[in-house]
């Protein structure tokens, strides 16, 4: 399942980058909105934790997204194996914010705190990314789950949310035995995985 989730994540990022390179203005604008909605929150957090206020965070977010979109469109940004869009945005923002603090003469006040934050960036970034991915996964799952038939929705809900045994599910569905319920659950999960693949 982890490989499946990782593959979905890579495909989603590649799809977003393709949309950012689009010549269709509407497609491009929607892709930029997706960057704001799903990939930029670590930047806000970083600024607010390192001497910035809400206005600073908004300004840095806007500049970071603009620089990122330009880098994607001119080909200077290429997604490397093991990297993420969030990581690239974070690095862009971190470097610019350090320069802003230097210009304000505040770097000395925040350098120790910032260096500590930067030293822990892998852990922090992984945590932030995991939170975002979980939220995106939940939204995607609910949307695709609702495309399944009523039978599949009942079986998966009874098993995952309600914690019913396959024997109990078989009884409620009117199946002759537990094995049939297990097979049906497997088929439903395969349908859900196919929907994930089709969506991306």
C-alpha atoms as a PDB file:
ATOM      1  CA  UNK A   1       0.000   0.000   0.000  1.00  0.00           C
ATOM      2  CA  UNK A   2       2.906   2.341   0.740  1.00  0.00           C
ATOM      3  CA  UNK A   3       4.267   1.857  -2.802  1.00  0.00           C
ATOM      4  CA  UNK A   4       0.799   2.543  -4.173  1.00  0.00           C
ATOM      5  CA  UNK A   5       0.521   5.782  -2.146  1.00  0.00           C
ATOM      6  CA  UNK A   6       4.045   6.817  -3.185  1.00  0.00           C
ATOM      7  CA  UNK A   7       3.234   6.171  -6.852  1.00  0.00           C
ATOM      8  CA  UNK A   8       0.013   8.186  -6.570  1.00  0.00           C
ATOM      9  CA  UNK A   9       1.994  11.067  -4.998  1.00  0.00           C
ATOM     10  CA  UNK A  10       4.628  11.083  -7.748  1.00  0.00           C
ATOM     11  CA  UNK A  11       1.978  10.937 -10.482  1.00  0.00           C
ATOM     12  CA  UNK A  12       0.017  13.762  -8.855  1.00  0.00           C
ATOM     13  CA  UNK A  13       3.097  15.972  -8.705  1.00  0.00           C
ATOM     14  CA  UNK A  14       4.007  15.240 -12.332  1.00  0.00           C
ATOM     15  CA  UNK A  15       0.437  16.004 -13.344  1.00  0.00           C
ATOM     16  CA  UNK A  16       0.549  19.323 -11.480  1.00  0.00           C
ATOM     17  CA  UNK A  17       3.841  20.270 -13.177  1.00  0.00           C
ATOM     18  CA  UNK A  18       2.360  19.462 -16.598  1.00  0.00           C
ATOM     19  CA  UNK A  19      -0.619  21.706 -15.811  1.00  0.00           C
ATOM     20  CA  UNK A  20       1.747  24.512 -14.737  1.00  0.00           C
ATOM     21  CA  UNK A  21       3.468  24.241 -18.126  1.00  0.00           C
ATOM     22  CA  UNK A  22       0.132  24.437 -19.961  1.00  0.00           C
ATOM     23  CA  UNK A  23      -0.469  27.157 -22.543  1.00  0.00           C
ATOM     24  CA  UNK A  24      -4.152  27.143 -21.586  1.00  0.00           C
ATOM     25  CA  UNK A  25      -4.567  30.131 -19.247  1.00  0.00           C
ATOM     26  CA  UNK A  26      -7.472  28.575 -17.346  1.00  0.00           C
ATOM     27  CA  UNK A  27      -5.574  25.306 -16.773  1.00  0.00           C
ATOM     28  CA  UNK A  28      -2.527  27.271 -15.597  1.00  0.00           C
ATOM     29  CA  UNK A  29      -4.574  29.385 -13.171  1.00  0.00           C
ATOM     30  CA  UNK A  30      -6.231  26.297 -11.699  1.00  0.00           C
ATOM     31  CA  UNK A  31      -2.826  24.650 -11.255  1.00  0.00           C
ATOM     32  CA  UNK A  32      -1.495  27.759  -9.479  1.00  0.00           C
ATOM     33  CA  UNK A  33      -4.526  27.673  -7.173  1.00  0.00           C
ATOM     34  CA  UNK A  34      -3.665  24.033  -6.403  1.00  0.00           C
ATOM     35  CA  UNK A  35      -0.132  25.062  -5.435  1.00  0.00           C
ATOM     36  CA  UNK A  36      -1.564  27.629  -3.023  1.00  0.00           C
ATOM     37  CA  UNK A  37      -4.130  25.163  -1.653  1.00  0.00           C
ATOM     38  CA  UNK A  38      -1.996  22.048  -1.234  1.00  0.00           C
ATOM     39  CA  UNK A  39       1.719  22.770  -1.325  1.00  0.00           C
ATOM     40  CA  UNK A  40       2.538  26.057   0.391  1.00  0.00           C
ATOM     41  CA  UNK A  41       1.444  25.797   4.053  1.00  0.00           C
ATOM     42  CA  UNK A  42       4.965  24.837   5.337  1.00  0.00           C
ATOM     43  CA  UNK A  43       6.193  28.220   4.082  1.00  0.00           C
ATOM     44  CA  UNK A  44       3.628  30.103   6.168  1.00  0.00           C
ATOM     45  CA  UNK A  45       4.523  28.062   9.210  1.00  0.00           C
ATOM     46  CA  UNK A  46       8.252  28.693   8.728  1.00  0.00           C
ATOM     47  CA  UNK A  47       7.875  32.468   8.419  1.00  0.00           C
ATOM     48  CA  UNK A  48       5.575  32.719  11.443  1.00  0.00           C
ATOM     49  CA  UNK A  49       8.006  30.655  13.516  1.00  0.00           C
ATOM     50  CA  UNK A  50      11.027  32.736  12.474  1.00  0.00           C
ATOM     51  CA  UNK A  51      10.294  36.381  13.114  1.00  0.00           C
ATOM     52  CA  UNK A  52       7.554  37.045  10.574  1.00  0.00           C
ATOM     53  CA  UNK A  53       3.939  38.095  10.824  1.00  0.00           C
ATOM     54  CA  UNK A  54       0.895  37.177   8.731  1.00  0.00           C
ATOM     55  CA  UNK A  55       1.635  39.894   6.140  1.00  0.00           C
ATOM     56  CA  UNK A  56       5.253  38.702   5.821  1.00  0.00           C
ATOM     57  CA  UNK A  57       3.993  35.146   5.338  1.00  0.00           C
ATOM     58  CA  UNK A  58       1.491  36.207   2.651  1.00  0.00           C
ATOM     59  CA  UNK A  59       4.142  38.232   0.800  1.00  0.00           C
ATOM     60  CA  UNK A  60       6.676  35.411   0.913  1.00  0.00           C
ATOM     61  CA  UNK A  61       4.105  32.856  -0.213  1.00  0.00           C
ATOM     62  CA  UNK A  62       3.211  34.997  -3.225  1.00  0.00           C
ATOM     63  CA  UNK A  63       6.846  35.534  -4.233  1.00  0.00           C
ATOM     64  CA  UNK A  64       7.704  31.862  -3.677  1.00  0.00           C
ATOM     65  CA  UNK A  65       4.821  30.609  -5.817  1.00  0.00           C
ATOM     66  CA  UNK A  66       5.656  33.114  -8.557  1.00  0.00           C
ATOM     67  CA  UNK A  67       9.315  32.018  -8.586  1.00  0.00           C
ATOM     68  CA  UNK A  68       8.299  28.363  -8.578  1.00  0.00           C
ATOM     69  CA  UNK A  69       5.866  28.757 -11.488  1.00  0.00           C
ATOM     70  CA  UNK A  70       8.512  30.627 -13.492  1.00  0.00           C
ATOM     71  CA  UNK A  71      11.072  27.891 -12.736  1.00  0.00           C
ATOM     72  CA  UNK A  72       8.640  25.195 -13.897  1.00  0.00           C
ATOM     73  CA  UNK A  73       7.670  27.064 -17.060  1.00  0.00           C
ATOM     74  CA  UNK A  74      11.228  27.919 -18.095  1.00  0.00           C
ATOM     75  CA  UNK A  75      12.440  24.379 -17.399  1.00  0.00           C
ATOM     76  CA  UNK A  76      14.858  25.180 -14.576  1.00  0.00           C
ATOM     77  CA  UNK A  77      12.839  23.058 -12.125  1.00  0.00           C
ATOM     78  CA  UNK A  78      12.777  19.321 -12.721  1.00  0.00           C
ATOM     79  CA  UNK A  79      11.294  16.945 -10.168  1.00  0.00           C
ATOM     80  CA  UNK A  80      14.078  14.651  -8.987  1.00  0.00           C
ATOM     81  CA  UNK A  81      13.580  11.188  -7.532  1.00  0.00           C
ATOM     82  CA  UNK A  82      12.988  11.418  -3.799  1.00  0.00           C
ATOM     83  CA  UNK A  83      12.170  15.140  -3.870  1.00  0.00           C
ATOM     84  CA  UNK A  84       8.855  16.918  -3.605  1.00  0.00           C
ATOM     85  CA  UNK A  85       7.320  20.170  -4.748  1.00  0.00           C
ATOM     86  CA  UNK A  86       6.848  21.120  -1.080  1.00  0.00           C
ATOM     87  CA  UNK A  87      10.569  20.677  -0.398  1.00  0.00           C
ATOM     88  CA  UNK A  88      11.517  22.912  -3.320  1.00  0.00           C
ATOM     89  CA  UNK A  89       9.029  25.610  -2.286  1.00  0.00           C
ATOM     90  CA  UNK A  90      10.327  25.439   1.267  1.00  0.00           C
ATOM     91  CA  UNK A  91      13.961  25.874   0.183  1.00  0.00           C
ATOM     92  CA  UNK A  92      13.039  28.837  -2.040  1.00  0.00           C
ATOM     93  CA  UNK A  93      11.138  30.506   0.801  1.00  0.00           C
ATOM     94  CA  UNK A  94      13.745  29.755   3.469  1.00  0.00           C
ATOM     95  CA  UNK A  95      16.563  31.360   1.484  1.00  0.00           C
ATOM     96  CA  UNK A  96      14.511  34.437   0.642  1.00  0.00           C
ATOM     97  CA  UNK A  97      13.349  34.840   4.250  1.00  0.00           C
ATOM     98  CA  UNK A  98      16.925  34.643   5.529  1.00  0.00           C
ATOM     99  CA  UNK A  99      17.825  37.495   3.163  1.00  0.00           C
ATOM    100  CA  UNK A 100      14.809  39.510   4.351  1.00  0.00           C
ATOM    101  CA  UNK A 101      15.870  39.126   7.983  1.00  0.00           C
ATOM    102  CA  UNK A 102      19.427  40.187   7.104  1.00  0.00           C
ATOM    103  CA  UNK A 103      18.126  43.314   5.374  1.00  0.00           C
ATOM    104  CA  UNK A 104      16.050  44.159   8.429  1.00  0.00           C
ATOM    105  CA  UNK A 105      19.026  43.651  10.700  1.00  0.00           C
ATOM    106  CA  UNK A 106      17.154  40.888  12.529  1.00  0.00           C
ATOM    107  CA  UNK A 107      19.086  37.881  11.341  1.00  0.00           C
ATOM    108  CA  UNK A 108      21.204  37.790  14.494  1.00  0.00           C
ATOM    109  CA  UNK A 109      18.055  37.591  16.653  1.00  0.00           C
ATOM    110  CA  UNK A 110      16.664  34.596  14.798  1.00  0.00           C
ATOM    111  CA  UNK A 111      19.706  32.819  13.415  1.00  0.00           C
ATOM    112  CA  UNK A 112      19.982  30.301  16.247  1.00  0.00           C
ATOM    113  CA  UNK A 113      16.280  29.495  16.176  1.00  0.00           C
ATOM    114  CA  UNK A 114      16.275  29.338  12.392  1.00  0.00           C
ATOM    115  CA  UNK A 115      19.363  27.150  12.222  1.00  0.00           C
ATOM    116  CA  UNK A 116      17.682  24.823  14.696  1.00  0.00           C
ATOM    117  CA  UNK A 117      14.603  24.745  12.493  1.00  0.00           C
ATOM    118  CA  UNK A 118      16.703  24.154   9.393  1.00  0.00           C
ATOM    119  CA  UNK A 119      18.673  21.389  11.093  1.00  0.00           C
ATOM    120  CA  UNK A 120      15.402  19.616  11.814  1.00  0.00           C
ATOM    121  CA  UNK A 121      13.995  20.368   8.373  1.00  0.00           C
ATOM    122  CA  UNK A 122      13.916  16.738   7.240  1.00  0.00           C
ATOM    123  CA  UNK A 123      11.819  15.704  10.224  1.00  0.00           C
ATOM    124  CA  UNK A 124       9.658  18.840  10.105  1.00  0.00           C
ATOM    125  CA  UNK A 125       9.208  18.623   6.352  1.00  0.00           C
ATOM    126  CA  UNK A 126       8.288  14.952   6.528  1.00  0.00           C
ATOM    127  CA  UNK A 127       5.719  15.701   9.222  1.00  0.00           C
ATOM    128  CA  UNK A 128       4.216  18.643   7.343  1.00  0.00           C
ATOM    129  CA  UNK A 129       4.152  16.677   4.116  1.00  0.00           C
ATOM    130  CA  UNK A 130       2.547  13.697   5.818  1.00  0.00           C
ATOM    131  CA  UNK A 131      -0.216  15.928   7.213  1.00  0.00           C
ATOM    132  CA  UNK A 132      -0.883  17.437   3.791  1.00  0.00           C
ATOM    133  CA  UNK A 133      -0.789  14.058   2.076  1.00  0.00           C
ATOM    134  CA  UNK A 134      -3.187  12.575   4.604  1.00  0.00           C
ATOM    135  CA  UNK A 135      -5.611  15.439   4.064  1.00  0.00           C
ATOM    136  CA  UNK A 136      -5.352  15.113   0.282  1.00  0.00           C
ATOM    137  CA  UNK A 137      -5.688  11.337   0.503  1.00  0.00           C
ATOM    138  CA  UNK A 138      -8.841  11.674   2.596  1.00  0.00           C
ATOM    139  CA  UNK A 139     -10.412  14.139   0.163  1.00  0.00           C
ATOM    140  CA  UNK A 140      -9.489  11.991  -2.834  1.00  0.00           C
ATOM    141  CA  UNK A 141     -10.638   8.800  -1.102  1.00  0.00           C
ATOM    142  CA  UNK A 142     -14.071  10.239  -0.237  1.00  0.00           C
ATOM    143  CA  UNK A 143     -14.592  11.525  -3.757  1.00  0.00           C
ATOM    144  CA  UNK A 144     -13.661   8.202  -5.338  1.00  0.00           C
ATOM    145  CA  UNK A 145     -15.387   6.120  -2.656  1.00  0.00           C
ATOM    146  CA  UNK A 146     -18.671   7.795  -3.565  1.00  0.00           C
ATOM    147  CA  UNK A 147     -18.228   6.569  -7.152  1.00  0.00           C
ATOM    148  CA  UNK A 148     -18.364   2.936  -5.997  1.00  0.00           C
ATOM    149  CA  UNK A 149     -21.658   1.076  -6.076  1.00  0.00           C
ATOM    150  CA  UNK A 150     -23.851   0.826  -2.997  1.00  0.00           C
ATOM    151  CA  UNK A 151     -22.756  -2.774  -2.328  1.00  0.00           C
ATOM    152  CA  UNK A 152     -19.055  -1.870  -2.274  1.00  0.00           C
ATOM    153  CA  UNK A 153     -19.671   1.212  -0.159  1.00  0.00           C
ATOM    154  CA  UNK A 154     -21.537  -0.887   2.403  1.00  0.00           C
ATOM    155  CA  UNK A 155     -18.900  -3.640   2.556  1.00  0.00           C
ATOM    156  CA  UNK A 156     -15.939  -1.278   2.880  1.00  0.00           C
ATOM    157  CA  UNK A 157     -17.709   0.962   5.399  1.00  0.00           C
ATOM    158  CA  UNK A 158     -18.808  -2.007   7.500  1.00  0.00           C
ATOM    159  CA  UNK A 159     -15.297  -3.448   7.479  1.00  0.00           C
ATOM    160  CA  UNK A 160     -13.133  -0.316   7.834  1.00  0.00           C
ATOM    161  CA  UNK A 161     -15.269   2.155   9.759  1.00  0.00           C
ATOM    162  CA  UNK A 162     -17.611  -0.098  11.720  1.00  0.00           C
ATOM    163  CA  UNK A 163     -15.091  -2.886  12.328  1.00  0.00           C
ATOM    164  CA  UNK A 164     -17.511  -5.695  11.475  1.00  0.00           C
ATOM    165  CA  UNK A 165     -16.072  -9.144  10.892  1.00  0.00           C
ATOM    166  CA  UNK A 166     -16.290 -10.631   7.410  1.00  0.00           C
ATOM    167  CA  UNK A 167     -18.618 -13.270   8.860  1.00  0.00           C
ATOM    168  CA  UNK A 168     -21.013 -10.559  10.085  1.00  0.00           C
ATOM    169  CA  UNK A 169     -20.787  -8.699   6.770  1.00  0.00           C
ATOM    170  CA  UNK A 170     -21.601 -11.936   4.927  1.00  0.00           C
ATOM    171  CA  UNK A 171     -24.656 -12.407   7.139  1.00  0.00           C
ATOM    172  CA  UNK A 172     -25.881  -8.824   6.598  1.00  0.00           C
ATOM    173  CA  UNK A 173     -25.326  -9.041   2.831  1.00  0.00           C
ATOM    174  CA  UNK A 174     -27.115 -12.407   2.607  1.00  0.00           C
ATOM    175  CA  UNK A 175     -24.057 -14.281   1.323  1.00  0.00           C
ATOM    176  CA  UNK A 176     -23.841 -18.040   1.842  1.00  0.00           C
ATOM    177  CA  UNK A 177     -20.473 -17.849   3.600  1.00  0.00           C
ATOM    178  CA  UNK A 178     -17.637 -15.610   4.796  1.00  0.00           C
ATOM    179  CA  UNK A 179     -15.427 -16.483   1.798  1.00  0.00           C
ATOM    180  CA  UNK A 180     -17.845 -14.758  -0.595  1.00  0.00           C
ATOM    181  CA  UNK A 181     -17.716 -11.562   1.536  1.00  0.00           C
ATOM    182  CA  UNK A 182     -13.903 -11.656   1.530  1.00  0.00           C
ATOM    183  CA  UNK A 183     -13.850 -12.009  -2.267  1.00  0.00           C
ATOM    184  CA  UNK A 184     -16.345  -9.167  -2.671  1.00  0.00           C
ATOM    185  CA  UNK A 185     -14.291  -6.923  -0.376  1.00  0.00           C
ATOM    186  CA  UNK A 186     -11.183  -7.673  -2.461  1.00  0.00           C
ATOM    187  CA  UNK A 187     -13.022  -6.808  -5.699  1.00  0.00           C
ATOM    188  CA  UNK A 188     -14.271  -3.553  -4.177  1.00  0.00           C
ATOM    189  CA  UNK A 189     -10.747  -2.572  -3.106  1.00  0.00           C
ATOM    190  CA  UNK A 190      -9.485  -3.339  -6.613  1.00  0.00           C
ATOM    191  CA  UNK A 191     -12.195  -1.070  -8.057  1.00  0.00           C
ATOM    192  CA  UNK A 192     -11.156   1.697  -5.673  1.00  0.00           C
ATOM    193  CA  UNK A 193      -7.482   1.316  -6.657  1.00  0.00           C
ATOM    194  CA  UNK A 194      -8.475   1.422 -10.331  1.00  0.00           C
ATOM    195  CA  UNK A 195     -10.342   4.684  -9.705  1.00  0.00           C
ATOM    196  CA  UNK A 196      -7.207   6.130  -8.066  1.00  0.00           C
ATOM    197  CA  UNK A 197      -5.109   5.136 -11.060  1.00  0.00           C
ATOM    198  CA  UNK A 198      -7.670   6.514 -13.529  1.00  0.00           C
ATOM    199  CA  UNK A 199      -7.910   9.846 -11.653  1.00  0.00           C
ATOM    200  CA  UNK A 200      -4.166  10.427 -11.812  1.00  0.00           C
END
